[in-house]
PDB file of N, CA and C in Angstrom:
ATOM      1  N   MET A   1       0.829  -1.187   0.000  1.00  0.00           N
ATOM      2  CA  MET A   1       0.000   0.000   0.000  1.00  0.00           C
ATOM      3  C   MET A   1       0.873   1.250   0.000  1.00  0.00           C
ATOM      4  N   ARG A   2       2.020   1.130   0.637  1.00  0.00           N
ATOM      5  CA  ARG A   2       2.916   2.279   0.715  1.00  0.00           C
ATOM      6  C   ARG A   2       3.465   2.647  -0.662  1.00  0.00           C
ATOM      7  N   HIS A   3       3.711   1.606  -1.485  1.00  0.00           N
ATOM      8  CA  HIS A   3       4.221   1.866  -2.825  1.00  0.00           C
ATOM      9  C   HIS A   3       3.182   2.566  -3.692  1.00  0.00           C
ATOM     10  N   VAL A   4       1.927   2.263  -3.468  1.00  0.00           N
ATOM     11  CA  VAL A   4       0.860   2.915  -4.226  1.00  0.00           C
ATOM     12  C   VAL A   4       0.826   4.405  -3.901  1.00  0.00           C
ATOM     13  N   GLY A   5       1.035   4.740  -2.642  1.00  0.00           N
ATOM     14  CA  GLY A   5       1.077   6.152  -2.250  1.00  0.00           C
ATOM     15  C   GLY A   5       2.209   6.894  -2.933  1.00  0.00           C
ATOM     16  N   TRP A   6       3.381   6.265  -2.987  1.00  0.00           N
ATOM     17  CA  TRP A   6       4.515   6.895  -3.670  1.00  0.00           C
ATOM     18  C   TRP A   6       4.253   7.019  -5.165  1.00  0.00           C
ATOM     19  N   LEU A   7       3.601   6.021  -5.742  1.00  0.00           N
ATOM     20  CA  LEU A   7       3.278   6.069  -7.158  1.00  0.00           C
ATOM     21  C   LEU A   7       2.309   7.206  -7.459  1.00  0.00           C
ATOM     22  N   VAL A   8       1.283   7.350  -6.642  1.00  0.00           N
ATOM     23  CA  VAL A   8       0.312   8.433  -6.836  1.00  0.00           C
ATOM     24  C   VAL A   8       0.990   9.791  -6.670  1.00  0.00           C
ATOM     25  N   LEU A   9       1.843   9.916  -5.677  1.00  0.00           N
ATOM     26  CA  LEU A   9       2.563  11.168  -5.466  1.00  0.00           C
ATOM     27  C   LEU A   9       3.485  11.480  -6.639  1.00  0.00           C
ATOM     28  N   SER A  10       4.174  10.481  -7.148  1.00  0.00           N
ATOM     29  CA  SER A  10       5.077  10.685  -8.278  1.00  0.00           C
ATOM     30  C   SER A  10       4.325  11.085  -9.534  1.00  0.00           C
ATOM     31  N   VAL A  11       3.239  10.410  -9.817  1.00  0.00           N
ATOM     32  CA  VAL A  11       2.453  10.734 -11.008  1.00  0.00           C
ATOM     33  C   VAL A  11       1.868  12.135 -10.896  1.00  0.00           C
ATOM     34  N   THR A  12       1.395  12.507  -9.725  1.00  0.00           N
ATOM     35  CA  THR A  12       0.864  13.854  -9.521  1.00  0.00           C
ATOM     36  C   THR A  12       1.940  14.902  -9.748  1.00  0.00           C
ATOM     37  N   TRP A  13       3.124  14.654  -9.237  1.00  0.00           N
ATOM     38  CA  TRP A  13       4.214  15.606  -9.414  1.00  0.00           C
ATOM     39  C   TRP A  13       4.594  15.737 -10.880  1.00  0.00           C
ATOM     40  N   VAL A  14       4.656  14.627 -11.603  1.00  0.00           N
ATOM     41  CA  VAL A  14       5.003  14.675 -13.023  1.00  0.00           C
ATOM     42  C   VAL A  14       3.950  15.439 -13.808  1.00  0.00           C
ATOM     43  N   VAL A  15       2.684  15.213 -13.502  1.00  0.00           N
ATOM     44  CA  VAL A  15       1.613  15.912 -14.212  1.00  0.00           C
ATOM     45  C   VAL A  15       1.676  17.409 -13.936  1.00  0.00           C
ATOM     46  N   LEU A  16       1.888  17.786 -12.686  1.00  0.00           N
ATOM     47  CA  LEU A  16       1.964  19.209 -12.354  1.00  0.00           C
ATOM     48  C   LEU A  16       3.222  19.853 -12.914  1.00  0.00           C
ATOM     49  N   ALA A  17       4.315  19.120 -12.960  1.00  0.00           N
ATOM     50  CA  ALA A  17       5.552  19.678 -13.496  1.00  0.00           C
ATOM     51  C   ALA A  17       5.492  19.793 -15.010  1.00  0.00           C
ATOM     52  N   ALA A  18       4.707  18.951 -15.661  1.00  0.00           N
ATOM     53  CA  ALA A  18       4.628  18.975 -17.116  1.00  0.00           C
ATOM     54  C   ALA A  18       3.693  20.057 -17.639  1.00  0.00           C
ATOM     55  N   SER A  19       2.802  20.574 -16.814  1.00  0.00           N
ATOM     56  CA  SER A  19       1.833  21.547 -17.310  1.00  0.00           C
ATOM     57  C   SER A  19       2.477  22.829 -17.842  1.00  0.00           C
ATOM     58  N   PRO A  20       3.529  23.398 -17.230  1.00  0.00           N
ATOM     59  CA  PRO A  20       4.149  24.566 -17.860  1.00  0.00           C
ATOM     60  C   PRO A  20       4.801  24.233 -19.193  1.00  0.00           C
ATOM     61  N   ALA A  21       5.324  23.031 -19.319  1.00  0.00           N
ATOM     62  CA  ALA A  21       5.946  22.655 -20.582  1.00  0.00           C
ATOM     63  C   ALA A  21       4.900  22.474 -21.674  1.00  0.00           C
ATOM     64  N   LEU A  22       3.730  21.973 -21.321  1.00  0.00           N
ATOM     65  CA  LEU A  22       2.672  21.792 -22.306  1.00  0.00           C
ATOM     66  C   LEU A  22       2.091  23.124 -22.759  1.00  0.00           C
ATOM     67  N   ALA A  23       2.115  24.109 -21.904  1.00  0.00           N
ATOM     68  CA  ALA A  23       1.585  25.422 -22.249  1.00  0.00           C
ATOM     69  C   ALA A  23       2.677  26.364 -22.744  1.00  0.00           C
ATOM     70  N   ALA A  24       3.841  25.836 -23.058  1.00  0.00           N
ATOM     71  CA  ALA A  24       4.970  26.683 -23.424  1.00  0.00           C
ATOM     72  C   ALA A  24       4.760  27.386 -24.759  1.00  0.00           C
ATOM     73  N   GLU A  25       4.085  26.731 -25.693  1.00  0.00           N
ATOM     74  CA  GLU A  25       3.859  27.356 -26.996  1.00  0.00           C
ATOM     75  C   GLU A  25       3.022  28.625 -26.859  1.00  0.00           C
ATOM     76  N   ALA A  26       1.933  28.544 -26.126  1.00  0.00           N
ATOM     77  CA  ALA A  26       1.077  29.715 -25.948  1.00  0.00           C
ATOM     78  C   ALA A  26       1.787  30.784 -25.130  1.00  0.00           C
ATOM     79  N   ALA A  27       2.579  30.367 -24.171  1.00  0.00           N
ATOM     80  CA  ALA A  27       3.292  31.334 -23.343  1.00  0.00           C
ATOM     81  C   ALA A  27       4.370  32.048 -24.148  1.00  0.00           C
ATOM     82  N   ALA A  28       5.010  31.340 -25.056  1.00  0.00           N
ATOM     83  CA  ALA A  28       6.034  31.969 -25.886  1.00  0.00           C
ATOM     84  C   ALA A  28       5.412  33.006 -26.809  1.00  0.00           C
ATOM     85  N   GLU A  29       4.224  32.713 -27.307  1.00  0.00           N
ATOM     86  CA  GLU A  29       3.539  33.676 -28.161  1.00  0.00           C
ATOM     87  C   GLU A  29       3.064  34.886 -27.368  1.00  0.00           C
ATOM     88  N   ALA A  30       2.777  34.695 -26.096  1.00  0.00           N
ATOM     89  CA  ALA A  30       2.282  35.789 -25.263  1.00  0.00           C
ATOM     90  C   ALA A  30       3.413  36.645 -24.713  1.00  0.00           C
ATOM     91  N   GLY A  31       4.648  36.311 -25.009  1.00  0.00           N
ATOM     92  CA  GLY A  31       5.765  37.125 -24.560  1.00  0.00           C
ATOM     93  C   GLY A  31       6.437  36.618 -23.302  1.00  0.00           C
ATOM     94  N   ALA A  32       6.129  35.422 -22.873  1.00  0.00           N
ATOM     95  CA  ALA A  32       6.760  34.862 -21.678  1.00  0.00           C
ATOM     96  C   ALA A  32       7.878  33.905 -22.078  1.00  0.00           C
ATOM     97  N   GLY A  33       8.663  34.264 -23.083  1.00  0.00           N
ATOM     98  CA  GLY A  33       9.717  33.394 -23.587  1.00  0.00           C
ATOM     99  C   GLY A  33      10.845  33.176 -22.606  1.00  0.00           C
ATOM    100  N   LEU A  34      11.051  34.116 -21.692  1.00  0.00           N
ATOM    101  CA  LEU A  34      12.134  33.968 -20.725  1.00  0.00           C
ATOM    102  C   LEU A  34      11.867  32.798 -19.786  1.00  0.00           C
ATOM    103  N   TRP A  35      10.627  32.628 -19.364  1.00  0.00           N
ATOM    104  CA  TRP A  35      10.257  31.498 -18.503  1.00  0.00           C
ATOM    105  C   TRP A  35      10.516  30.173 -19.226  1.00  0.00           C
ATOM    106  N   TYR A  36      10.135  30.125 -20.484  1.00  0.00           N
ATOM    107  CA  TYR A  36      10.311  28.927 -21.295  1.00  0.00           C
ATOM    108  C   TYR A  36      11.791  28.598 -21.461  1.00  0.00           C
ATOM    109  N   ARG A  37      12.591  29.598 -21.722  1.00  0.00           N
ATOM    110  CA  ARG A  37      14.036  29.372 -21.895  1.00  0.00           C
ATOM    111  C   ARG A  37      14.687  28.922 -20.600  1.00  0.00           C
ATOM    112  N   GLY A  38      14.227  29.460 -19.504  1.00  0.00           N
ATOM    113  CA  GLY A  38      14.767  29.038 -18.215  1.00  0.00           C
ATOM    114  C   GLY A  38      14.454  27.581 -17.916  1.00  0.00           C
ATOM    115  N   LEU A  39      13.249  27.152 -18.271  1.00  0.00           N
ATOM    116  CA  LEU A  39      12.880  25.749 -18.066  1.00  0.00           C
ATOM    117  C   LEU A  39      13.696  24.824 -18.957  1.00  0.00           C
ATOM    118  N   ILE A  40      13.982  25.264 -20.179  1.00  0.00           N
ATOM    119  CA  ILE A  40      14.806  24.442 -21.069  1.00  0.00           C
ATOM    120  C   ILE A  40      16.211  24.297 -20.500  1.00  0.00           C
ATOM    121  N   ALA A  41      16.781  25.391 -20.017  1.00  0.00           N
ATOM    122  CA  ALA A  41      18.121  25.324 -19.436  1.00  0.00           C
ATOM    123  C   ALA A  41      18.139  24.446 -18.189  1.00  0.00           C
ATOM    124  N   LEU A  42      17.110  24.563 -17.377  1.00  0.00           N
ATOM    125  CA  LEU A  42      17.016  23.730 -16.179  1.00  0.00           C
ATOM    126  C   LEU A  42      16.876  22.256 -16.545  1.00  0.00           C
ATOM    127  N   ALA A  43      16.060  21.961 -17.540  1.00  0.00           N
ATOM    128  CA  ALA A  43      15.874  20.574 -17.972  1.00  0.00           C
ATOM    129  C   ALA A  43      17.157  19.995 -18.543  1.00  0.00           C
ATOM    130  N   ALA A  44      17.909  20.798 -19.287  1.00  0.00           N
ATOM    131  CA  ALA A  44      19.164  20.307 -19.853  1.00  0.00           C
ATOM    132  C   ALA A  44      20.163  19.966 -18.755  1.00  0.00           C
ATOM    133  N   GLY A  45      20.302  20.847 -17.791  1.00  0.00           N
ATOM    134  CA  GLY A  45      21.239  20.585 -16.699  1.00  0.00           C
ATOM    135  C   GLY A  45      20.815  19.432 -15.819  1.00  0.00           C
ATOM    136  N   LEU A  46      19.534  19.375 -15.508  1.00  0.00           N
ATOM    137  CA  LEU A  46      19.030  18.293 -14.662  1.00  0.00           C
ATOM    138  C   LEU A  46      19.122  16.948 -15.376  1.00  0.00           C
ATOM    139  N   GLY A  47      18.789  16.925 -16.643  1.00  0.00           N
ATOM    140  CA  GLY A  47      18.871  15.679 -17.408  1.00  0.00           C
ATOM    141  C   GLY A  47      20.288  15.168 -17.523  1.00  0.00           C
ATOM    142  N   LEU A  48      21.223  16.068 -17.756  1.00  0.00           N
ATOM    143  CA  LEU A  48      22.621  15.666 -17.857  1.00  0.00           C
ATOM    144  C   LEU A  48      23.145  15.171 -16.522  1.00  0.00           C
ATOM    145  N   GLY A  49      22.774  15.841 -15.450  1.00  0.00           N
ATOM    146  CA  GLY A  49      23.223  15.406 -14.127  1.00  0.00           C
ATOM    147  C   GLY A  49      22.672  14.052 -13.740  1.00  0.00           C
ATOM    148  N   LEU A  50      21.386  13.825 -14.011  1.00  0.00           N
ATOM    149  CA  LEU A  50      20.784  12.526 -13.695  1.00  0.00           C
ATOM    150  C   LEU A  50      21.370  11.413 -14.556  1.00  0.00           C
ATOM    151  N   ALA A  51      21.641  11.700 -15.820  1.00  0.00           N
ATOM    152  CA  ALA A  51      22.227  10.678 -16.692  1.00  0.00           C
ATOM    153  C   ALA A  51      23.639  10.324 -16.244  1.00  0.00           C
ATOM    154  N   ALA A  52      24.416  11.328 -15.863  1.00  0.00           N
ATOM    155  CA  ALA A  52      25.773  11.051 -15.390  1.00  0.00           C
ATOM    156  C   ALA A  52      25.744  10.273 -14.083  1.00  0.00           C
ATOM    157  N   PHE A  53      24.822  10.621 -13.199  1.00  0.00           N
ATOM    158  CA  PHE A  53      24.700   9.901 -11.929  1.00  0.00           C
ATOM    159  C   PHE A  53      24.294   8.449 -12.163  1.00  0.00           C
ATOM    160  N   GLY A  54      23.316   8.242 -13.027  1.00  0.00           N
ATOM    161  CA  GLY A  54      22.859   6.887 -13.314  1.00  0.00           C
ATOM    162  C   GLY A  54      23.927   6.040 -13.979  1.00  0.00           C
ATOM    163  N   ALA A  55      24.654   6.637 -14.919  1.00  0.00           N
ATOM    164  CA  ALA A  55      25.719   5.892 -15.592  1.00  0.00           C
ATOM    165  C   ALA A  55      26.831   5.532 -14.621  1.00  0.00           C
ATOM    166  N   ALA A  56      27.207   6.458 -13.766  1.00  0.00           N
ATOM    167  CA  ALA A  56      28.268   6.178 -12.793  1.00  0.00           C
ATOM    168  C   ALA A  56      27.837   5.108 -11.796  1.00  0.00           C
ATOM    169  N   LEU A  57      26.601   5.168 -11.360  1.00  0.00           N
ATOM    170  CA  LEU A  57      26.098   4.160 -10.428  1.00  0.00           C
ATOM    171  C   LEU A  57      26.060   2.782 -11.084  1.00  0.00           C
ATOM    172  N   GLY A  58      25.583   2.715 -12.309  1.00  0.00           N
ATOM    173  CA  GLY A  58      25.531   1.445 -13.029  1.00  0.00           C
ATOM    174  C   GLY A  58      26.911   0.881 -13.315  1.00  0.00           C
ATOM    175  N   GLN A  59      27.840   1.748 -13.686  1.00  0.00           N
ATOM    176  CA  GLN A  59      29.199   1.286 -13.961  1.00  0.00           C
ATOM    177  C   GLN A  59      29.867   0.766 -12.703  1.00  0.00           C
ATOM    178  N   GLY A  60      29.643   1.424 -11.607  1.00  0.00           N
ATOM    179  CA  GLY A  60      30.232   0.965 -10.351  1.00  0.00           C
ATOM    180  C   GLY A  60      29.695  -0.388  -9.929  1.00  0.00           C
ATOM    181  N   ARG A  61      28.395  -0.563 -10.057  1.00  0.00           N
ATOM    182  CA  ARG A  61      27.801  -1.852  -9.671  1.00  0.00           C
ATOM    183  C   ARG A  61      28.231  -2.966 -10.617  1.00  0.00           C
ATOM    184  N   ALA A  62      28.288  -2.681 -11.915  1.00  0.00           N
ATOM    185  CA  ALA A  62      28.697  -3.708 -12.874  1.00  0.00           C
ATOM    186  C   ALA A  62      30.147  -4.114 -12.655  1.00  0.00           C
ATOM    187  N   THR A  63      31.002  -3.145 -12.416  1.00  0.00           N
ATOM    188  CA  THR A  63      32.413  -3.449 -12.179  1.00  0.00           C
ATOM    189  C   THR A  63      32.589  -4.220 -10.882  1.00  0.00           C
ATOM    190  N   ALA A  64      31.862  -3.844  -9.856  1.00  0.00           N
ATOM    191  CA  ALA A  64      31.965  -4.561  -8.582  1.00  0.00           C
ATOM    192  C   ALA A  64      31.505  -6.007  -8.732  1.00  0.00           C
ATOM    193  N   ALA A  65      30.423  -6.221  -9.463  1.00  0.00           N
ATOM    194  CA  ALA A  65      29.935  -7.589  -9.664  1.00  0.00           C
ATOM    195  C   ALA A  65      30.917  -8.407 -10.491  1.00  0.00           C
ATOM    196  N   ALA A  66      31.521  -7.790 -11.501  1.00  0.00           N
ATOM    197  CA  ALA A  66      32.498  -8.512 -12.319  1.00  0.00           C
ATOM    198  C   ALA A  66      33.737  -8.866 -11.507  1.00  0.00           C
ATOM    199  N   MET A  67      34.216  -7.934 -10.703  1.00  0.00           N
ATOM    200  CA  MET A  67      35.401  -8.215  -9.889  1.00  0.00           C
ATOM    201  C   MET A  67      35.109  -9.286  -8.841  1.00  0.00           C
ATOM    202  N   GLU A  68      33.902  -9.275  -8.304  1.00  0.00           N
ATOM    203  CA  GLU A  68      33.539 -10.300  -7.325  1.00  0.00           C
ATOM    204  C   GLU A  68      33.485 -11.679  -7.975  1.00  0.00           C
ATOM    205  N   SER A  69      32.911 -11.747  -9.180  1.00  0.00           N
ATOM    206  CA  SER A  69      32.832 -13.051  -9.841  1.00  0.00           C
ATOM    207  C   SER A  69      34.199 -13.534 -10.302  1.00  0.00           C
ATOM    208  N   ILE A  70      35.081 -12.633 -10.694  1.00  0.00           N
ATOM    209  CA  ILE A  70      36.448 -13.030 -11.048  1.00  0.00           C
ATOM    210  C   ILE A  70      37.188 -13.488  -9.800  1.00  0.00           C
ATOM    211  N   GLY A  71      36.926 -12.838  -8.680  1.00  0.00           N
ATOM    212  CA  GLY A  71      37.558 -13.244  -7.428  1.00  0.00           C
ATOM    213  C   GLY A  71      37.123 -14.629  -6.985  1.00  0.00           C
ATOM    214  N   ARG A  72      35.882 -14.981  -7.260  1.00  0.00           N
ATOM    215  CA  ARG A  72      35.397 -16.313  -6.882  1.00  0.00           C
ATOM    216  C   ARG A  72      35.913 -17.389  -7.831  1.00  0.00           C
ATOM    217  N   ASN A  73      36.007 -17.048  -9.117  1.00  0.00           N
ATOM    218  CA  ASN A  73      36.464 -18.015 -10.110  1.00  0.00           C
ATOM    219  C   ASN A  73      37.404 -17.288 -11.065  1.00  0.00           C
ATOM    220  N   ALA A  74      38.689 -17.361 -10.810  1.00  0.00           N
ATOM    221  CA  ALA A  74      39.676 -16.618 -11.597  1.00  0.00           C
ATOM    222  C   ALA A  74      39.760 -17.117 -13.035  1.00  0.00           C
ATOM    223  N   ASN A  75      39.382 -18.343 -13.289  1.00  0.00           N
ATOM    224  CA  ASN A  75      39.444 -18.880 -14.650  1.00  0.00           C
ATOM    225  C   ASN A  75      38.382 -18.274 -15.562  1.00  0.00           C
ATOM    226  N   SER A  76      37.375 -17.643 -15.001  1.00  0.00           N
ATOM    227  CA  SER A  76      36.305 -17.065 -15.815  1.00  0.00           C
ATOM    228  C   SER A  76      36.578 -15.613 -16.204  1.00  0.00           C
ATOM    229  N   ALA A  77      37.766 -15.118 -15.929  1.00  0.00           N
ATOM    230  CA  ALA A  77      38.070 -13.708 -16.207  1.00  0.00           C
ATOM    231  C   ALA A  77      37.961 -13.383 -17.693  1.00  0.00           C
ATOM    232  N   ASP A  78      38.387 -14.304 -18.553  1.00  0.00           N
ATOM    233  CA  ASP A  78      38.312 -14.041 -19.994  1.00  0.00           C
ATOM    234  C   ASP A  78      36.868 -13.976 -20.484  1.00  0.00           C
ATOM    235  N   ARG A  79      35.999 -14.796 -19.912  1.00  0.00           N
ATOM    236  CA  ARG A  79      34.595 -14.806 -20.330  1.00  0.00           C
ATOM    237  C   ARG A  79      33.828 -13.624 -19.752  1.00  0.00           C
ATOM    238  N   ILE A  80      34.275 -13.063 -18.666  1.00  0.00           N
ATOM    239  CA  ILE A  80      33.571 -11.950 -18.022  1.00  0.00           C
ATOM    240  C   ILE A  80      34.024 -10.608 -18.588  1.00  0.00           C
ATOM    241  N   PHE A  81      35.266 -10.528 -19.028  1.00  0.00           N
ATOM    242  CA  PHE A  81      35.842  -9.244 -19.426  1.00  0.00           C
ATOM    243  C   PHE A  81      35.098  -8.613 -20.607  1.00  0.00           C
ATOM    244  N   THR A  82      34.841  -9.385 -21.663  1.00  0.00           N
ATOM    245  CA  THR A  82      34.210  -8.817 -22.862  1.00  0.00           C
ATOM    246  C   THR A  82      32.786  -8.311 -22.592  1.00  0.00           C
ATOM    247  N   PRO A  83      31.919  -9.092 -21.950  1.00  0.00           N
ATOM    248  CA  PRO A  83      30.588  -8.530 -21.651  1.00  0.00           C
ATOM    249  C   PRO A  83      30.647  -7.330 -20.711  1.00  0.00           C
ATOM    250  N   LEU A  84      31.637  -7.318 -19.819  1.00  0.00           N
ATOM    251  CA  LEU A  84      31.789  -6.170 -18.923  1.00  0.00           C
ATOM    252  C   LEU A  84      32.108  -4.912 -19.714  1.00  0.00           C
ATOM    253  N   ILE A  85      33.051  -5.000 -20.639  1.00  0.00           N
ATOM    254  CA  ILE A  85      33.430  -3.826 -21.435  1.00  0.00           C
ATOM    255  C   ILE A  85      32.262  -3.366 -22.310  1.00  0.00           C
ATOM    256  N   VAL A  86      31.540  -4.312 -22.905  1.00  0.00           N
ATOM    257  CA  VAL A  86      30.382  -3.945 -23.729  1.00  0.00           C
ATOM    258  C   VAL A  86      29.315  -3.257 -22.876  1.00  0.00           C
ATOM    259  N   GLY A  87      29.055  -3.797 -21.697  1.00  0.00           N
ATOM    260  CA  GLY A  87      28.076  -3.184 -20.803  1.00  0.00           C
ATOM    261  C   GLY A  87      28.489  -1.795 -20.349  1.00  0.00           C
ATOM    262  N   LEU A  88      29.770  -1.631 -20.015  1.00  0.00           N
ATOM    263  CA  LEU A  88      30.254  -0.312 -19.604  1.00  0.00           C
ATOM    264  C   LEU A  88      30.161   0.689 -20.752  1.00  0.00           C
ATOM    265  N   ALA A  89      30.452   0.243 -21.968  1.00  0.00           N
ATOM    266  CA  ALA A  89      30.351   1.139 -23.124  1.00  0.00           C
ATOM    267  C   ALA A  89      28.906   1.574 -23.355  1.00  0.00           C
ATOM    268  N   LEU A  90      27.965   0.654 -23.187  1.00  0.00           N
ATOM    269  CA  LEU A  90      26.558   1.019 -23.373  1.00  0.00           C
ATOM    270  C   LEU A  90      26.078   1.971 -22.285  1.00  0.00           C
ATOM    271  N   MET A  91      26.544   1.775 -21.054  1.00  0.00           N
ATOM    272  CA  MET A  91      26.169   2.692 -19.975  1.00  0.00           C
ATOM    273  C   MET A  91      26.737   4.085 -20.221  1.00  0.00           C
ATOM    274  N   GLU A  92      27.965   4.137 -20.698  1.00  0.00           N
ATOM    275  CA  GLU A  92      28.581   5.435 -20.975  1.00  0.00           C
ATOM    276  C   GLU A  92      27.900   6.098 -22.165  1.00  0.00           C
ATOM    277  N   ALA A  93      27.428   5.299 -23.115  1.00  0.00           N
ATOM    278  CA  ALA A  93      26.727   5.856 -24.270  1.00  0.00           C
ATOM    279  C   ALA A  93      25.450   6.568 -23.841  1.00  0.00           C
ATOM    280  N   LEU A  94      24.770   6.051 -22.831  1.00  0.00           N
ATOM    281  CA  LEU A  94      23.563   6.727 -22.344  1.00  0.00           C
ATOM    282  C   LEU A  94      23.894   8.115 -21.801  1.00  0.00           C
ATOM    283  N   ALA A  95      25.000   8.224 -21.085  1.00  0.00           N
ATOM    284  CA  ALA A  95      25.407   9.533 -20.572  1.00  0.00           C
ATOM    285  C   ALA A  95      25.791  10.465 -21.718  1.00  0.00           C
ATOM    286  N   LEU A  96      26.436   9.930 -22.741  1.00  0.00           N
ATOM    287  CA  LEU A  96      26.800  10.765 -23.887  1.00  0.00           C
ATOM    288  C   LEU A  96      25.564  11.203 -24.672  1.00  0.00           C
ATOM    289  N   TYR A  97      24.560  10.339 -24.772  1.00  0.00           N
ATOM    290  CA  TYR A  97      23.308  10.740 -25.419  1.00  0.00           C
ATOM    291  C   TYR A  97      22.652  11.885 -24.652  1.00  0.00           C
ATOM    292  N   ALA A  98      22.692  11.821 -23.349  1.00  0.00           N
ATOM    293  CA  ALA A  98      22.135  12.907 -22.534  1.00  0.00           C
ATOM    294  C   ALA A  98      22.901  14.201 -22.772  1.00  0.00           C
ATOM    295  N   LEU A  99      24.216  14.095 -22.947  1.00  0.00           N
ATOM    296  CA  LEU A  99      25.020  15.285 -23.230  1.00  0.00           C
ATOM    297  C   LEU A  99      24.626  15.895 -24.571  1.00  0.00           C
ATOM    298  N   VAL A 100      24.433  15.062 -25.575  1.00  0.00           N
ATOM    299  CA  VAL A 100      24.028  15.559 -26.895  1.00  0.00           C
ATOM    300  C   VAL A 100      22.653  16.219 -26.824  1.00  0.00           C
ATOM    301  N   ILE A 101      21.725  15.606 -26.121  1.00  0.00           N
ATOM    302  CA  ILE A 101      20.390  16.191 -25.975  1.00  0.00           C
ATOM    303  C   ILE A 101      20.462  17.515 -25.225  1.00  0.00           C
ATOM    304  N   ALA A 102      21.322  17.589 -24.210  1.00  0.00           N
ATOM    305  CA  ALA A 102      21.483  18.847 -23.475  1.00  0.00           C
ATOM    306  C   ALA A 102      22.031  19.937 -24.387  1.00  0.00           C
ATOM    307  N   PHE A 103      22.963  19.594 -25.270  1.00  0.00           N
ATOM    308  CA  PHE A 103      23.473  20.584 -26.217  1.00  0.00           C
ATOM    309  C   PHE A 103      22.371  21.052 -27.167  1.00  0.00           C
ATOM    310  N   PHE A 104      21.531  20.129 -27.621  1.00  0.00           N
ATOM    311  CA  PHE A 104      20.423  20.521 -28.489  1.00  0.00           C
ATOM    312  C   PHE A 104      19.445  21.432 -27.758  1.00  0.00           C
ATOM    313  N   LEU A 105      19.166  21.124 -26.500  1.00  0.00           N
ATOM    314  CA  LEU A 105      18.260  21.969 -25.724  1.00  0.00           C
ATOM    315  C   LEU A 105      18.873  23.340 -25.464  1.00  0.00           C
ATOM    316  N   GLN A 106      20.166  23.398 -25.229  1.00  0.00           N
ATOM    317  CA  GLN A 106      20.814  24.687 -25.009  1.00  0.00           C
ATOM    318  C   GLN A 106      20.791  25.536 -26.276  1.00  0.00           C
ATOM    319  N   GLY A 107      20.741  24.892 -27.436  1.00  0.00           N
ATOM    320  CA  GLY A 107      20.632  25.636 -28.685  1.00  0.00           C
ATOM    321  C   GLY A 107      19.298  26.351 -28.821  1.00  0.00           C
ATOM    322  N   LYS A 108      18.285  25.909 -28.083  1.00  0.00           N
ATOM    323  CA  LYS A 108      16.973  26.551 -28.126  1.00  0.00           C
ATOM    324  C   LYS A 108      16.875  27.736 -27.181  1.00  0.00           C
ATOM    325  N   VAL A 109      17.829  27.883 -26.291  1.00  0.00           N
ATOM    326  CA  VAL A 109      17.752  28.956 -25.292  1.00  0.00           C
ATOM    327  C   VAL A 109      18.133  30.261 -25.896  1.00  0.00           C
TER     328      VAL A 109
END
């Protein structure tokens, strides 16, 4: 039941936070472009920060799990290394995609 409360709170927050973004077109036409630009800059910075945090957290956990499994069975190091590098590259790619999107959003400011 507690998870349902958090879900309802999260959905409510997302809906309320999205309403200024949905009305941004009309607000830009009405001369409130500064508010819109500020939200874009905030979204770019927040998105990049969350992506970097998530990628770093995922990379740390993946590396720790790989090192633990190599420590338990040293003969499996060759089989673990390649999937580890591929996984780390994909996690880093997500952070780089966020950086590219942030640059595109900053171009709108």
